[in-house]
Amino acid sequence: MNMTNISWIGWIHTVASVVSLVVGAYVLFAVKGTHLHRRMGKIYFGVMLVTIFTVFFVYNFDIQFVPFKVGPGIFGLFHYQTVFTLVLLLVALLSAPRQRHPFAAYAHPVAMTMTYYMLVAALINEIFVRVLPLRQIAAAQVAGTATTAAQAPIVRFTQLGARIVFLLLIAWFVVKVARSRRAHGRVATKPPADSEPASAIE
């Protein structure tokens, strides 16, 4: 694995990213609503902020579309995706304590899952850049073309697979929220067991 050209700010970004991946996995898949879940969610928010803001000091590679340019020193696609991730992170944070409201109930898990997807998507790119055998495969697929190794078919198909998995995960969370809200609605509207039938008290 090639880790030779990473600056000190890059190392901070790398460590924060790894911690975000580990903590975020717990937040997504552990039991929701517990004290530990809330605490881990706050830790995830903190390390994600470090991950996000350090990106704005890293310009080793990016893609600019107008005019088209690929290489170092560019504020392009990956940096704009980081801004989008920050917006999602704020939505997840602000909606967390408001999940009794329908919008927040769905916005929180969707936004959290999307922030984690952005982490995984960035990890996939880094793996194909840093892991030499995978980098060689990607480079071989685009040899003699104007495209970069990051645009190789193997990278695009891996990213597509991750996208499909996370779309299914979002759908699963949406269904869980819908079922939970429906169950709570039934409980809230059900009369107490010892109450008289409505027809008897009218």
Protein backbone atom coordinates (compact mmCIF):
# COMPACT_ATOMS: atom_id res chain seq x y z
CA MET A 1 0.00 0.00 0.00
CA ASN A 2 1.37 3.40 -1.02
CA MET A 3 1.21 5.84 1.93
CA THR A 4 4.36 7.84 1.17
CA ASN A 5 2.90 11.09 -0.17
CA ILE A 6 0.55 11.91 2.71
CA SER A 7 1.05 15.22 4.54
CA TRP A 8 0.42 15.68 8.26
CA ILE A 9 -3.02 17.13 7.51
CA GLY A 10 -3.60 14.14 5.25
CA TRP A 11 -2.77 11.81 8.13
CA ILE A 12 -5.27 13.62 10.37
CA HIS A 13 -7.84 13.20 7.60
CA THR A 14 -6.97 9.51 7.21
CA VAL A 15 -7.21 8.72 10.94
CA ALA A 16 -10.48 10.66 11.27
CA SER A 17 -11.88 8.81 8.25
CA VAL A 18 -11.01 5.40 9.71
CA VAL A 19 -12.56 6.32 13.08
CA SER A 20 -15.65 7.62 11.25
CA LEU A 21 -15.99 4.34 9.36
CA VAL A 22 -15.82 2.28 12.57
CA VAL A 23 -18.07 4.51 14.71
CA GLY A 24 -20.48 5.10 11.82
CA ALA A 25 -20.91 1.35 11.31
CA TYR A 26 -21.94 1.03 14.95
CA VAL A 27 -24.35 3.95 14.73
CA LEU A 28 -26.01 2.52 11.61
CA PHE A 29 -26.38 -1.09 12.70
CA ALA A 30 -26.62 -1.09 16.52
CA VAL A 31 -29.85 -0.78 18.46
CA LYS A 32 -31.31 2.69 17.99
CA GLY A 33 -32.54 5.07 20.67
CA THR A 34 -30.22 3.94 23.47
CA HIS A 35 -27.92 6.21 25.47
CA LEU A 36 -24.89 4.55 23.84
CA HIS A 37 -26.36 5.07 20.38
CA ARG A 38 -26.78 8.79 21.06
CA ARG A 39 -23.28 9.08 22.49
CA MET A 40 -21.72 7.24 19.53
CA GLY A 41 -23.74 9.44 17.20
CA LYS A 42 -22.17 12.54 18.76
CA ILE A 43 -18.70 11.01 18.42
CA TYR A 44 -19.47 10.22 14.77
CA PHE A 45 -20.54 13.81 14.20
CA GLY A 46 -17.31 15.11 15.75
CA VAL A 47 -14.90 12.90 13.83
CA MET A 48 -16.85 13.45 10.62
CA LEU A 49 -16.38 17.20 11.06
CA VAL A 50 -12.62 16.61 11.29
CA THR A 51 -12.78 14.34 8.22
CA ILE A 52 -14.74 16.93 6.25
CA PHE A 53 -12.80 20.07 7.15
CA THR A 54 -9.39 18.47 6.57
CA VAL A 55 -10.47 17.71 2.99
CA PHE A 56 -10.39 21.45 2.28
CA PHE A 57 -6.64 21.42 2.95
CA VAL A 58 -5.93 18.42 0.70
CA TYR A 59 -5.56 19.08 -3.02
CA ASN A 60 -3.60 16.06 -4.29
CA PHE A 61 -6.23 15.17 -6.88
CA ASP A 62 -9.64 16.36 -8.03
CA ILE A 63 -11.79 16.67 -11.15
CA GLN A 64 -12.97 20.00 -12.56
CA PHE A 65 -15.60 19.91 -15.30
CA VAL A 66 -15.75 23.51 -16.62
CA PRO A 67 -13.20 23.75 -18.11
CA PHE A 68 -12.40 20.05 -17.79
CA LYS A 69 -9.25 19.52 -15.79
CA VAL A 70 -7.92 16.60 -13.74
CA GLY A 71 -5.06 16.68 -11.27
CA PRO A 72 -3.68 18.41 -8.17
CA GLY A 73 -4.52 21.90 -6.91
CA ILE A 74 -8.18 21.76 -8.04
CA PHE A 75 -11.33 22.50 -6.03
CA GLY A 76 -13.63 20.19 -7.94
CA LEU A 77 -15.97 17.22 -7.74
CA PHE A 78 -14.56 15.60 -4.59
CA HIS A 79 -14.54 18.90 -2.67
CA TYR A 80 -18.13 19.67 -3.73
CA GLN A 81 -19.13 16.20 -2.58
CA THR A 82 -17.54 17.06 0.77
CA VAL A 83 -19.73 20.17 1.04
CA PHE A 84 -22.76 17.99 0.27
CA THR A 85 -21.67 15.54 3.00
CA LEU A 86 -21.43 18.40 5.50
CA VAL A 87 -25.01 19.44 4.67
CA LEU A 88 -26.19 15.83 5.16
CA LEU A 89 -24.32 15.62 8.47
CA LEU A 90 -26.03 18.78 9.73
CA VAL A 91 -29.43 17.45 8.63
CA ALA A 92 -28.74 14.20 10.53
CA LEU A 93 -27.70 16.12 13.65
CA LEU A 94 -30.61 18.57 13.66
CA SER A 95 -33.24 15.91 12.91
CA ALA A 96 -32.03 13.46 15.59
CA PRO A 97 -33.90 15.01 18.57
CA ARG A 98 -37.00 15.80 16.48
CA GLN A 99 -37.94 12.33 15.28
CA ARG A 100 -41.49 12.57 16.59
CA HIS A 101 -42.10 14.76 13.53
CA PRO A 102 -42.58 12.81 10.27
CA PHE A 103 -39.94 14.68 8.24
CA ALA A 104 -37.24 14.34 10.90
CA ALA A 105 -38.13 10.68 11.50
CA TYR A 106 -37.20 9.86 7.91
CA ALA A 107 -34.55 12.56 7.39
CA HIS A 108 -32.34 11.36 10.26
CA PRO A 109 -31.66 7.76 9.12
CA VAL A 110 -31.51 8.73 5.45
CA ALA A 111 -29.02 11.56 6.05
CA MET A 112 -26.91 9.40 8.38
CA THR A 113 -26.80 6.59 5.83
CA MET A 114 -25.87 9.01 3.06
CA THR A 115 -22.96 10.46 5.07
CA TYR A 116 -21.67 6.94 5.62
CA TYR A 117 -22.07 6.14 1.93
CA MET A 118 -19.94 9.19 1.08
CA LEU A 119 -17.24 7.81 3.39
CA VAL A 120 -17.36 4.41 1.73
CA ALA A 121 -17.30 5.93 -1.77
CA ALA A 122 -14.19 7.92 -0.84
CA LEU A 123 -12.63 4.78 0.65
CA ILE A 124 -13.18 2.89 -2.61
CA ASN A 125 -11.37 5.62 -4.55
CA GLU A 126 -8.48 5.60 -2.06
CA ILE A 127 -8.17 1.82 -2.19
CA PHE A 128 -7.78 1.89 -5.97
CA VAL A 129 -5.18 4.65 -5.63
CA ARG A 130 -3.21 3.30 -2.66
CA VAL A 131 -3.34 -0.51 -3.05
CA LEU A 132 -0.80 -1.26 -5.77
CA PRO A 133 -2.37 -4.42 -7.32
CA LEU A 134 -5.78 -2.71 -7.62
CA ARG A 135 -4.16 0.45 -8.94
CA GLN A 136 -2.38 -1.58 -11.62
CA ILE A 137 -5.64 -3.25 -12.66
CA ALA A 138 -7.41 0.11 -12.94
CA ALA A 139 -4.50 1.68 -14.81
CA ALA A 140 -4.37 -1.23 -17.26
CA GLN A 141 -8.07 -0.79 -18.07
CA VAL A 142 -7.59 2.86 -19.11
CA ALA A 143 -4.15 2.51 -20.70
CA GLY A 144 -3.92 4.45 -23.94
CA THR A 145 -7.05 6.50 -23.21
CA ALA A 146 -7.60 10.04 -21.93
CA THR A 147 -9.36 8.84 -18.78
CA THR A 148 -7.75 8.43 -15.37
CA ALA A 149 -7.46 5.24 -13.32
CA ALA A 150 -10.22 6.61 -11.05
CA GLN A 151 -12.59 6.33 -14.04
CA ALA A 152 -11.64 2.74 -14.87
CA PRO A 153 -14.50 0.22 -15.27
CA ILE A 154 -13.46 -1.71 -12.15
CA VAL A 155 -13.71 1.46 -10.06
CA ARG A 156 -17.04 2.48 -11.61
CA PHE A 157 -18.56 -0.99 -11.08
CA THR A 158 -17.33 -1.09 -7.47
CA GLN A 159 -18.86 2.32 -6.84
CA LEU A 160 -22.09 1.20 -8.51
CA GLY A 161 -22.22 -1.85 -6.24
CA ALA A 162 -21.76 0.35 -3.17
CA ARG A 163 -24.48 2.69 -4.41
CA ILE A 164 -26.95 -0.18 -4.82
CA VAL A 165 -26.17 -1.56 -1.36
CA PHE A 166 -26.73 1.83 0.27
CA LEU A 167 -29.92 2.49 -1.66
CA LEU A 168 -31.26 -0.83 -0.36
CA LEU A 169 -30.11 0.13 3.14
CA ILE A 170 -31.92 3.47 2.92
CA ALA A 171 -35.08 1.69 1.71
CA TRP A 172 -34.80 -0.70 4.68
CA PHE A 173 -34.51 2.20 7.15
CA VAL A 174 -37.48 3.98 5.54
CA VAL A 175 -39.61 0.83 5.89
CA LYS A 176 -38.51 0.42 9.52
CA VAL A 177 -39.44 4.03 10.31
CA ALA A 178 -42.82 3.66 8.58
CA ARG A 179 -43.62 0.47 10.53
CA SER A 180 -42.49 2.01 13.80
CA ARG A 181 -44.59 5.13 13.29
CA ARG A 182 -47.60 3.03 12.30
CA ALA A 183 -47.19 0.86 15.42
CA HIS A 184 -46.84 3.89 17.69
CA GLY A 185 -49.88 5.45 16.04
CA ARG A 186 -51.97 2.36 16.81
CA VAL A 187 -50.79 2.39 20.43
CA ALA A 188 -51.54 6.11 20.80
CA THR A 189 -55.10 5.78 19.45
CA LYS A 190 -56.02 2.50 21.21
CA PRO A 191 -58.35 3.12 24.20
CA PRO A 192 -57.30 1.84 27.63
CA ALA A 193 -58.23 -1.78 28.29
CA ASP A 194 -60.54 -0.90 31.18
CA SER A 195 -62.41 1.88 29.38
CA GLU A 196 -66.03 1.49 28.27
CA PRO A 197 -66.89 1.11 24.58
CA ALA A 198 -67.48 4.41 22.83
CA SER A 199 -71.16 3.60 22.22
CA ALA A 200 -71.78 3.18 25.95
CA ILE A 201 -70.50 6.62 26.95
CA GLU A 202 -72.07 8.75 24.26
